[in-house]
Amino acid sequence: MLGSTLSIAANRISYVFDLRGPSIAV
């Protein structure tokens, strides 16, 4: 589910690079 959900496309970048601002798939 983590691998196939569209929202995770943005969240994955925030997670890997530890970025803590808004993280949104559009």
mmCIF file of all heavy atoms, coordinates in Angstrom:
data_MODEL
# 
_entry.id   MODEL 
# 
loop_
_atom_site.group_PDB 
_atom_site.id 
_atom_site.type_symbol 
_atom_site.label_atom_id 
_atom_site.label_alt_id 
_atom_site.label_comp_id 
_atom_site.label_asym_id 
_atom_site.label_entity_id 
_atom_site.label_seq_id 
_atom_site.pdbx_PDB_ins_code 
_atom_site.Cartn_x 
_atom_site.Cartn_y 
_atom_site.Cartn_z 
_atom_site.occupancy 
_atom_site.B_iso_or_equiv 
_atom_site.pdbx_formal_charge 
_atom_site.auth_seq_id 
_atom_site.auth_comp_id 
_atom_site.auth_asym_id 
_atom_site.auth_atom_id 
_atom_site.pdbx_PDB_model_num 
ATOM 1   N N   . MET A 1 1  ? 0.822  -1.215 0.000  1.00 0.00 ? 1  MET A N   1 
ATOM 2   C CA  . MET A 1 1  ? 0.000  0.000  0.000  1.00 0.00 ? 1  MET A CA  1 
ATOM 3   C C   . MET A 1 1  ? 0.853  1.260  0.000  1.00 0.00 ? 1  MET A C   1 
ATOM 4   O O   . MET A 1 1  ? 0.547  2.236  -0.689 1.00 0.00 ? 1  MET A O   1 
ATOM 5   C CB  . MET A 1 1  ? -0.955 -0.003 1.193  1.00 0.00 ? 1  MET A CB  1 
ATOM 6   C CG  . MET A 1 1  ? -2.038 -1.064 1.092  1.00 0.00 ? 1  MET A CG  1 
ATOM 7   S SD  . MET A 1 1  ? -2.949 -1.015 -0.481 1.00 0.00 ? 1  MET A SD  1 
ATOM 8   C CE  . MET A 1 1  ? -3.699 0.594  -0.397 1.00 0.00 ? 1  MET A CE  1 
ATOM 9   N N   . LEU A 1 2  ? 1.964  1.246  0.750  1.00 0.00 ? 2  LEU A N   1 
ATOM 10  C CA  . LEU A 1 2  ? 2.870  2.386  0.718  1.00 0.00 ? 2  LEU A CA  1 
ATOM 11  C C   . LEU A 1 2  ? 3.472  2.567  -0.671 1.00 0.00 ? 2  LEU A C   1 
ATOM 12  O O   . LEU A 1 2  ? 3.717  3.684  -1.116 1.00 0.00 ? 2  LEU A O   1 
ATOM 13  C CB  . LEU A 1 2  ? 3.997  2.195  1.733  1.00 0.00 ? 2  LEU A CB  1 
ATOM 14  C CG  . LEU A 1 2  ? 3.637  2.426  3.203  1.00 0.00 ? 2  LEU A CG  1 
ATOM 15  C CD1 . LEU A 1 2  ? 4.768  1.964  4.097  1.00 0.00 ? 2  LEU A CD1 1 
ATOM 16  C CD2 . LEU A 1 2  ? 3.344  3.899  3.445  1.00 0.00 ? 2  LEU A CD2 1 
ATOM 17  N N   . GLY A 1 3  ? 3.709  1.473  -1.329 1.00 0.00 ? 3  GLY A N   1 
ATOM 18  C CA  . GLY A 1 3  ? 4.361  1.541  -2.630 1.00 0.00 ? 3  GLY A CA  1 
ATOM 19  C C   . GLY A 1 3  ? 3.457  1.942  -3.763 1.00 0.00 ? 3  GLY A C   1 
ATOM 20  O O   . GLY A 1 3  ? 3.945  2.342  -4.833 1.00 0.00 ? 3  GLY A O   1 
ATOM 21  N N   . SER A 1 4  ? 2.144  1.876  -3.572 1.00 0.00 ? 4  SER A N   1 
ATOM 22  C CA  . SER A 1 4  ? 1.234  2.093  -4.697 1.00 0.00 ? 4  SER A CA  1 
ATOM 23  C C   . SER A 1 4  ? 0.253  3.246  -4.489 1.00 0.00 ? 4  SER A C   1 
ATOM 24  O O   . SER A 1 4  ? -0.577 3.511  -5.358 1.00 0.00 ? 4  SER A O   1 
ATOM 25  C CB  . SER A 1 4  ? 0.436  0.814  -4.970 1.00 0.00 ? 4  SER A CB  1 
ATOM 26  O OG  . SER A 1 4  ? -0.303 0.417  -3.819 1.00 0.00 ? 4  SER A OG  1 
ATOM 27  N N   . THR A 1 5  ? 0.345  3.960  -3.363 1.00 0.00 ? 5  THR A N   1 
ATOM 28  C CA  . THR A 1 5  ? -0.568 5.056  -3.074 1.00 0.00 ? 5  THR A CA  1 
ATOM 29  C C   . THR A 1 5  ? 0.018  6.373  -3.577 1.00 0.00 ? 5  THR A C   1 
ATOM 30  O O   . THR A 1 5  ? 1.187  6.664  -3.339 1.00 0.00 ? 5  THR A O   1 
ATOM 31  C CB  . THR A 1 5  ? -0.828 5.146  -1.556 1.00 0.00 ? 5  THR A CB  1 
ATOM 32  O OG1 . THR A 1 5  ? -1.307 3.883  -1.093 1.00 0.00 ? 5  THR A OG1 1 
ATOM 33  C CG2 . THR A 1 5  ? -1.854 6.220  -1.246 1.00 0.00 ? 5  THR A CG2 1 
ATOM 34  N N   . LEU A 1 6  ? -0.795 7.182  -4.272 1.00 0.00 ? 6  LEU A N   1 
ATOM 35  C CA  . LEU A 1 6  ? -0.282 8.402  -4.898 1.00 0.00 ? 6  LEU A CA  1 
ATOM 36  C C   . LEU A 1 6  ? 0.278  9.388  -3.879 1.00 0.00 ? 6  LEU A C   1 
ATOM 37  O O   . LEU A 1 6  ? 1.270  10.065 -4.140 1.00 0.00 ? 6  LEU A O   1 
ATOM 38  C CB  . LEU A 1 6  ? -1.382 9.071  -5.722 1.00 0.00 ? 6  LEU A CB  1 
ATOM 39  C CG  . LEU A 1 6  ? -1.871 8.311  -6.965 1.00 0.00 ? 6  LEU A CG  1 
ATOM 40  C CD1 . LEU A 1 6  ? -2.879 9.159  -7.734 1.00 0.00 ? 6  LEU A CD1 1 
ATOM 41  C CD2 . LEU A 1 6  ? -0.722 7.930  -7.875 1.00 0.00 ? 6  LEU A CD2 1 
ATOM 42  N N   . SER A 1 7  ? -0.345 9.511  -2.717 1.00 0.00 ? 7  SER A N   1 
ATOM 43  C CA  . SER A 1 7  ? 0.130  10.474 -1.725 1.00 0.00 ? 7  SER A CA  1 
ATOM 44  C C   . SER A 1 7  ? 1.568  10.193 -1.306 1.00 0.00 ? 7  SER A C   1 
ATOM 45  O O   . SER A 1 7  ? 2.327  11.117 -0.983 1.00 0.00 ? 7  SER A O   1 
ATOM 46  C CB  . SER A 1 7  ? -0.769 10.446 -0.492 1.00 0.00 ? 7  SER A CB  1 
ATOM 47  O OG  . SER A 1 7  ? -0.757 9.159  0.110  1.00 0.00 ? 7  SER A OG  1 
ATOM 48  N N   . ILE A 1 8  ? 1.953  8.931  -1.327 1.00 0.00 ? 8  ILE A N   1 
ATOM 49  C CA  . ILE A 1 8  ? 3.290  8.555  -0.874 1.00 0.00 ? 8  ILE A CA  1 
ATOM 50  C C   . ILE A 1 8  ? 4.367  9.053  -1.841 1.00 0.00 ? 8  ILE A C   1 
ATOM 51  O O   . ILE A 1 8  ? 5.533  9.162  -1.475 1.00 0.00 ? 8  ILE A O   1 
ATOM 52  C CB  . ILE A 1 8  ? 3.393  7.024  -0.687 1.00 0.00 ? 8  ILE A CB  1 
ATOM 53  C CG1 . ILE A 1 8  ? 2.308  6.546  0.281  1.00 0.00 ? 8  ILE A CG1 1 
ATOM 54  C CG2 . ILE A 1 8  ? 4.753  6.607  -0.153 1.00 0.00 ? 8  ILE A CG2 1 
ATOM 55  C CD1 . ILE A 1 8  ? 2.402  7.157  1.672  1.00 0.00 ? 8  ILE A CD1 1 
ATOM 56  N N   . ALA A 1 9  ? 3.991  9.395  -3.075 1.00 0.00 ? 9  ALA A N   1 
ATOM 57  C CA  . ALA A 1 9  ? 4.980  9.926  -4.020 1.00 0.00 ? 9  ALA A CA  1 
ATOM 58  C C   . ALA A 1 9  ? 5.642  11.183 -3.463 1.00 0.00 ? 9  ALA A C   1 
ATOM 59  O O   . ALA A 1 9  ? 6.856  11.379 -3.605 1.00 0.00 ? 9  ALA A O   1 
ATOM 60  C CB  . ALA A 1 9  ? 4.319  10.232 -5.362 1.00 0.00 ? 9  ALA A CB  1 
ATOM 61  N N   . ALA A 1 10 ? 4.849  12.042 -2.821 1.00 0.00 ? 10 ALA A N   1 
ATOM 62  C CA  . ALA A 1 10 ? 5.413  13.230 -2.169 1.00 0.00 ? 10 ALA A CA  1 
ATOM 63  C C   . ALA A 1 10 ? 5.988  12.874 -0.804 1.00 0.00 ? 10 ALA A C   1 
ATOM 64  O O   . ALA A 1 10 ? 7.082  13.308 -0.431 1.00 0.00 ? 10 ALA A O   1 
ATOM 65  C CB  . ALA A 1 10 ? 4.340  14.304 -2.024 1.00 0.00 ? 10 ALA A CB  1 
ATOM 66  N N   . ASN A 1 11 ? 5.227  12.076 -0.046 1.00 0.00 ? 11 ASN A N   1 
ATOM 67  C CA  . ASN A 1 11 ? 5.649  11.723 1.312  1.00 0.00 ? 11 ASN A CA  1 
ATOM 68  C C   . ASN A 1 11 ? 6.976  10.980 1.326  1.00 0.00 ? 11 ASN A C   1 
ATOM 69  O O   . ASN A 1 11 ? 7.783  11.140 2.253  1.00 0.00 ? 11 ASN A O   1 
ATOM 70  C CB  . ASN A 1 11 ? 4.589  10.869 1.995  1.00 0.00 ? 11 ASN A CB  1 
ATOM 71  C CG  . ASN A 1 11 ? 3.226  11.540 2.066  1.00 0.00 ? 11 ASN A CG  1 
ATOM 72  O OD1 . ASN A 1 11 ? 2.219  10.875 2.211  1.00 0.00 ? 11 ASN A OD1 1 
ATOM 73  N ND2 . ASN A 1 11 ? 3.185  12.861 1.946  1.00 0.00 ? 11 ASN A ND2 1 
ATOM 74  N N   . ARG A 1 12 ? 7.228  10.177 0.304  1.00 0.00 ? 12 ARG A N   1 
ATOM 75  C CA  . ARG A 1 12 ? 8.473  9.413  0.238  1.00 0.00 ? 12 ARG A CA  1 
ATOM 76  C C   . ARG A 1 12 ? 9.674  10.358 0.136  1.00 0.00 ? 12 ARG A C   1 
ATOM 77  O O   . ARG A 1 12 ? 10.717 10.124 0.759  1.00 0.00 ? 12 ARG A O   1 
ATOM 78  C CB  . ARG A 1 12 ? 8.444  8.474  -0.973 1.00 0.00 ? 12 ARG A CB  1 
ATOM 79  C CG  . ARG A 1 12 ? 9.670  7.588  -1.136 1.00 0.00 ? 12 ARG A CG  1 
ATOM 80  C CD  . ARG A 1 12 ? 9.604  6.325  -0.343 1.00 0.00 ? 12 ARG A CD  1 
ATOM 81  N NE  . ARG A 1 12 ? 8.541  5.442  -0.787 1.00 0.00 ? 12 ARG A NE  1 
ATOM 82  C CZ  . ARG A 1 12 ? 8.315  4.232  -0.233 1.00 0.00 ? 12 ARG A CZ  1 
ATOM 83  N NH1 . ARG A 1 12 ? 9.071  3.814  0.772  1.00 0.00 ? 12 ARG A NH1 1 
ATOM 84  N NH2 . ARG A 1 12 ? 7.324  3.473  -0.667 1.00 0.00 ? 12 ARG A NH2 1 
ATOM 85  N N   . ILE A 1 13 ? 9.537  11.410 -0.662 1.00 0.00 ? 13 ILE A N   1 
ATOM 86  C CA  . ILE A 1 13 ? 10.625 12.396 -0.770 1.00 0.00 ? 13 ILE A CA  1 
ATOM 87  C C   . ILE A 1 13 ? 10.869 13.051 0.585  1.00 0.00 ? 13 ILE A C   1 
ATOM 88  O O   . ILE A 1 13 ? 12.014 13.175 1.038  1.00 0.00 ? 13 ILE A O   1 
ATOM 89  C CB  . ILE A 1 13 ? 10.273 13.457 -1.837 1.00 0.00 ? 13 ILE A CB  1 
ATOM 90  C CG1 . ILE A 1 13 ? 10.187 12.815 -3.224 1.00 0.00 ? 13 ILE A CG1 1 
ATOM 91  C CG2 . ILE A 1 13 ? 11.308 14.585 -1.831 1.00 0.00 ? 13 ILE A CG2 1 
ATOM 92  C CD1 . ILE A 1 13 ? 9.645  13.743 -4.294 1.00 0.00 ? 13 ILE A CD1 1 
ATOM 93  N N   . SER A 1 14 ? 9.786  13.462 1.242  1.00 0.00 ? 14 SER A N   1 
ATOM 94  C CA  . SER A 1 14 ? 9.922  14.094 2.557  1.00 0.00 ? 14 SER A CA  1 
ATOM 95  C C   . SER A 1 14 ? 10.571 13.148 3.555  1.00 0.00 ? 14 SER A C   1 
ATOM 96  O O   . SER A 1 14 ? 11.416 13.558 4.374  1.00 0.00 ? 14 SER A O   1 
ATOM 97  C CB  . SER A 1 14 ? 8.551  14.534 3.068  1.00 0.00 ? 14 SER A CB  1 
ATOM 98  O OG  . SER A 1 14 ? 7.957  15.461 2.195  1.00 0.00 ? 14 SER A OG  1 
ATOM 99  N N   . TYR A 1 15 ? 10.210 11.877 3.499  1.00 0.00 ? 15 TYR A N   1 
ATOM 100 C CA  . TYR A 1 15 ? 10.745 10.893 4.430  1.00 0.00 ? 15 TYR A CA  1 
ATOM 101 C C   . TYR A 1 15 ? 12.234 10.629 4.186  1.00 0.00 ? 15 TYR A C   1 
ATOM 102 O O   . TYR A 1 15 ? 13.055 10.689 5.103  1.00 0.00 ? 15 TYR A O   1 
ATOM 103 C CB  . TYR A 1 15 ? 9.952  9.586  4.314  1.00 0.00 ? 15 TYR A CB  1 
ATOM 104 C CG  . TYR A 1 15 ? 10.541 8.443  5.107  1.00 0.00 ? 15 TYR A CG  1 
ATOM 105 C CD1 . TYR A 1 15 ? 10.316 8.353  6.477  1.00 0.00 ? 15 TYR A CD1 1 
ATOM 106 C CD2 . TYR A 1 15 ? 11.313 7.473  4.485  1.00 0.00 ? 15 TYR A CD2 1 
ATOM 107 C CE1 . TYR A 1 15 ? 10.865 7.303  7.212  1.00 0.00 ? 15 TYR A CE1 1 
ATOM 108 C CE2 . TYR A 1 15 ? 11.869 6.432  5.208  1.00 0.00 ? 15 TYR A CE2 1 
ATOM 109 C CZ  . TYR A 1 15 ? 11.642 6.352  6.574  1.00 0.00 ? 15 TYR A CZ  1 
ATOM 110 O OH  . TYR A 1 15 ? 12.194 5.324  7.291  1.00 0.00 ? 15 TYR A OH  1 
ATOM 111 N N   . VAL A 1 16 ? 12.586 10.341 2.933  1.00 0.00 ? 16 VAL A N   1 
ATOM 112 C CA  . VAL A 1 16 ? 13.970 9.983  2.621  1.00 0.00 ? 16 VAL A CA  1 
ATOM 113 C C   . VAL A 1 16 ? 14.927 11.136 2.913  1.00 0.00 ? 16 VAL A C   1 
ATOM 114 O O   . VAL A 1 16 ? 16.022 10.939 3.452  1.00 0.00 ? 16 VAL A O   1 
ATOM 115 C CB  . VAL A 1 16 ? 14.087 9.518  1.149  1.00 0.00 ? 16 VAL A CB  1 
ATOM 116 C CG1 . VAL A 1 16 ? 15.542 9.448  0.709  1.00 0.00 ? 16 VAL A CG1 1 
ATOM 117 C CG2 . VAL A 1 16 ? 13.407 8.168  0.970  1.00 0.00 ? 16 VAL A CG2 1 
ATOM 118 N N   . PHE A 1 17 ? 14.512 12.364 2.581  1.00 0.00 ? 17 PHE A N   1 
ATOM 119 C CA  . PHE A 1 17 ? 15.385 13.518 2.781  1.00 0.00 ? 17 PHE A CA  1 
ATOM 120 C C   . PHE A 1 17 ? 15.123 14.233 4.112  1.00 0.00 ? 17 PHE A C   1 
ATOM 121 O O   . PHE A 1 17 ? 15.763 15.236 4.404  1.00 0.00 ? 17 PHE A O   1 
ATOM 122 C CB  . PHE A 1 17 ? 15.227 14.500 1.617  1.00 0.00 ? 17 PHE A CB  1 
ATOM 123 C CG  . PHE A 1 17 ? 15.721 13.965 0.308  1.00 0.00 ? 17 PHE A CG  1 
ATOM 124 C CD1 . PHE A 1 17 ? 14.867 13.313 -0.572 1.00 0.00 ? 17 PHE A CD1 1 
ATOM 125 C CD2 . PHE A 1 17 ? 17.059 14.093 -0.060 1.00 0.00 ? 17 PHE A CD2 1 
ATOM 126 C CE1 . PHE A 1 17 ? 15.325 12.810 -1.781 1.00 0.00 ? 17 PHE A CE1 1 
ATOM 127 C CE2 . PHE A 1 17 ? 17.525 13.596 -1.264 1.00 0.00 ? 17 PHE A CE2 1 
ATOM 128 C CZ  . PHE A 1 17 ? 16.660 12.948 -2.135 1.00 0.00 ? 17 PHE A CZ  1 
ATOM 129 N N   . ASP A 1 18 ? 14.166 13.705 4.898  1.00 0.00 ? 18 ASP A N   1 
ATOM 130 C CA  . ASP A 1 18 ? 13.807 14.275 6.198  1.00 0.00 ? 18 ASP A CA  1 
ATOM 131 C C   . ASP A 1 18 ? 13.421 15.741 6.067  1.00 0.00 ? 18 ASP A C   1 
ATOM 132 O O   . ASP A 1 18 ? 13.921 16.621 6.770  1.00 0.00 ? 18 ASP A O   1 
ATOM 133 C CB  . ASP A 1 18 ? 14.959 14.117 7.201  1.00 0.00 ? 18 ASP A CB  1 
ATOM 134 C CG  . ASP A 1 18 ? 14.520 14.415 8.637  1.00 0.00 ? 18 ASP A CG  1 
ATOM 135 O OD1 . ASP A 1 18 ? 13.305 14.436 8.886  1.00 0.00 ? 18 ASP A OD1 1 
ATOM 136 O OD2 . ASP A 1 18 ? 15.414 14.645 9.491  1.00 0.00 ? 18 ASP A OD2 1 
ATOM 137 N N   . LEU A 1 19 ? 12.478 16.014 5.160  1.00 0.00 ? 19 LEU A N   1 
ATOM 138 C CA  . LEU A 1 19 ? 11.958 17.363 4.937  1.00 0.00 ? 19 LEU A CA  1 
ATOM 139 C C   . LEU A 1 19 ? 10.620 17.474 5.661  1.00 0.00 ? 19 LEU A C   1 
ATOM 140 O O   . LEU A 1 19 ? 9.736  16.639 5.469  1.00 0.00 ? 19 LEU A O   1 
ATOM 141 C CB  . LEU A 1 19 ? 11.792 17.626 3.442  1.00 0.00 ? 19 LEU A CB  1 
ATOM 142 C CG  . LEU A 1 19 ? 13.018 17.306 2.571  1.00 0.00 ? 19 LEU A CG  1 
ATOM 143 C CD1 . LEU A 1 19 ? 12.711 17.583 1.107  1.00 0.00 ? 19 LEU A CD1 1 
ATOM 144 C CD2 . LEU A 1 19 ? 14.244 18.088 3.034  1.00 0.00 ? 19 LEU A CD2 1 
ATOM 145 N N   . ARG A 1 20 ? 10.423 18.518 6.458  1.00 0.00 ? 20 ARG A N   1 
ATOM 146 C CA  . ARG A 1 20 ? 9.319  18.534 7.403  1.00 0.00 ? 20 ARG A CA  1 
ATOM 147 C C   . ARG A 1 20 ? 8.255  19.596 7.134  1.00 0.00 ? 20 ARG A C   1 
ATOM 148 O O   . ARG A 1 20 ? 7.431  19.891 7.995  1.00 0.00 ? 20 ARG A O   1 
ATOM 149 C CB  . ARG A 1 20 ? 9.882  18.681 8.819  1.00 0.00 ? 20 ARG A CB  1 
ATOM 150 C CG  . ARG A 1 20 ? 10.866 17.561 9.142  1.00 0.00 ? 20 ARG A CG  1 
ATOM 151 C CD  . ARG A 1 20 ? 11.401 17.611 10.543 1.00 0.00 ? 20 ARG A CD  1 
ATOM 152 N NE  . ARG A 1 20 ? 12.391 16.546 10.760 1.00 0.00 ? 20 ARG A NE  1 
ATOM 153 C CZ  . ARG A 1 20 ? 13.000 16.323 11.937 1.00 0.00 ? 20 ARG A CZ  1 
ATOM 154 N NH1 . ARG A 1 20 ? 12.721 17.095 12.976 1.00 0.00 ? 20 ARG A NH1 1 
ATOM 155 N NH2 . ARG A 1 20 ? 13.878 15.347 12.041 1.00 0.00 ? 20 ARG A NH2 1 
ATOM 156 N N   . GLY A 1 21 ? 8.260  20.169 5.929  1.00 0.00 ? 21 GLY A N   1 
ATOM 157 C CA  . GLY A 1 21 ? 7.205  21.097 5.553  1.00 0.00 ? 21 GLY A CA  1 
ATOM 158 C C   . GLY A 1 21 ? 6.022  20.350 4.958  1.00 0.00 ? 21 GLY A C   1 
ATOM 159 O O   . GLY A 1 21 ? 5.941  19.119 5.035  1.00 0.00 ? 21 GLY A O   1 
ATOM 160 N N   . PRO A 1 22 ? 5.077  21.062 4.338  1.00 0.00 ? 22 PRO A N   1 
ATOM 161 C CA  . PRO A 1 22 ? 3.943  20.404 3.674  1.00 0.00 ? 22 PRO A CA  1 
ATOM 162 C C   . PRO A 1 22 ? 4.437  19.362 2.672  1.00 0.00 ? 22 PRO A C   1 
ATOM 163 O O   . PRO A 1 22 ? 5.438  19.582 1.982  1.00 0.00 ? 22 PRO A O   1 
ATOM 164 C CB  . PRO A 1 22 ? 3.221  21.553 2.968  1.00 0.00 ? 22 PRO A CB  1 
ATOM 165 C CG  . PRO A 1 22 ? 3.630  22.778 3.723  1.00 0.00 ? 22 PRO A CG  1 
ATOM 166 C CD  . PRO A 1 22 ? 5.025  22.526 4.194  1.00 0.00 ? 22 PRO A CD  1 
ATOM 167 N N   . SER A 1 23 ? 3.737  18.235 2.601  1.00 0.00 ? 23 SER A N   1 
ATOM 168 C CA  . SER A 1 23 ? 4.126  17.150 1.686  1.00 0.00 ? 23 SER A CA  1 
ATOM 169 C C   . SER A 1 23 ? 2.863  16.640 1.016  1.00 0.00 ? 23 SER A C   1 
ATOM 170 O O   . SER A 1 23 ? 2.098  15.873 1.600  1.00 0.00 ? 23 SER A O   1 
ATOM 171 C CB  . SER A 1 23 ? 4.819  16.030 2.466  1.00 0.00 ? 23 SER A CB  1 
ATOM 172 O OG  . SER A 1 23 ? 5.282  15.013 1.598  1.00 0.00 ? 23 SER A OG  1 
ATOM 173 N N   . ILE A 1 24 ? 2.641  17.085 -0.230 1.00 0.00 ? 24 ILE A N   1 
ATOM 174 C CA  . ILE A 1 24 ? 1.327  16.921 -0.853 1.00 0.00 ? 24 ILE A CA  1 
ATOM 175 C C   . ILE A 1 24 ? 1.441  16.421 -2.294 1.00 0.00 ? 24 ILE A C   1 
ATOM 176 O O   . ILE A 1 24 ? 2.205  16.967 -3.090 1.00 0.00 ? 24 ILE A O   1 
ATOM 177 C CB  . ILE A 1 24 ? 0.565  18.259 -0.840 1.00 0.00 ? 24 ILE A CB  1 
ATOM 178 C CG1 . ILE A 1 24 ? 0.385  18.751 0.610  1.00 0.00 ? 24 ILE A CG1 1 
ATOM 179 C CG2 . ILE A 1 24 ? -0.789 18.136 -1.532 1.00 0.00 ? 24 ILE A CG2 1 
ATOM 180 C CD1 . ILE A 1 24 ? -0.182 20.154 0.713  1.00 0.00 ? 24 ILE A CD1 1 
ATOM 181 N N   . ALA A 1 25 ? 0.669  15.401 -2.614 1.00 0.00 ? 25 ALA A N   1 
ATOM 182 C CA  . ALA A 1 25 ? 0.515  14.954 -4.000 1.00 0.00 ? 25 ALA A CA  1 
ATOM 183 C C   . ALA A 1 25 ? -0.690 15.672 -4.602 1.00 0.00 ? 25 ALA A C   1 
ATOM 184 O O   . ALA A 1 25 ? -1.736 15.777 -3.962 1.00 0.00 ? 25 ALA A O   1 
ATOM 185 C CB  . ALA A 1 25 ? 0.322  13.446 -4.063 1.00 0.00 ? 25 ALA A CB  1 
ATOM 186 N N   . VAL A 1 26 ? -0.540 16.153 -5.825 1.00 0.00 ? 26 VAL A N   1 
ATOM 187 C CA  . VAL A 1 26 ? -1.581 16.936 -6.494 1.00 0.00 ? 26 VAL A CA  1 
ATOM 188 C C   . VAL A 1 26 ? -2.031 16.205 -7.751 1.00 0.00 ? 26 VAL A C   1 
ATOM 189 O O   . VAL A 1 26 ? -1.203 15.837 -8.588 1.00 0.00 ? 26 VAL A O   1 
ATOM 190 C CB  . VAL A 1 26 ? -1.053 18.340 -6.865 1.00 0.00 ? 26 VAL A CB  1 
ATOM 191 C CG1 . VAL A 1 26 ? -2.101 19.117 -7.651 1.00 0.00 ? 26 VAL A CG1 1 
ATOM 192 C CG2 . VAL A 1 26 ? -0.636 19.106 -5.617 1.00 0.00 ? 26 VAL A CG2 1 
# 
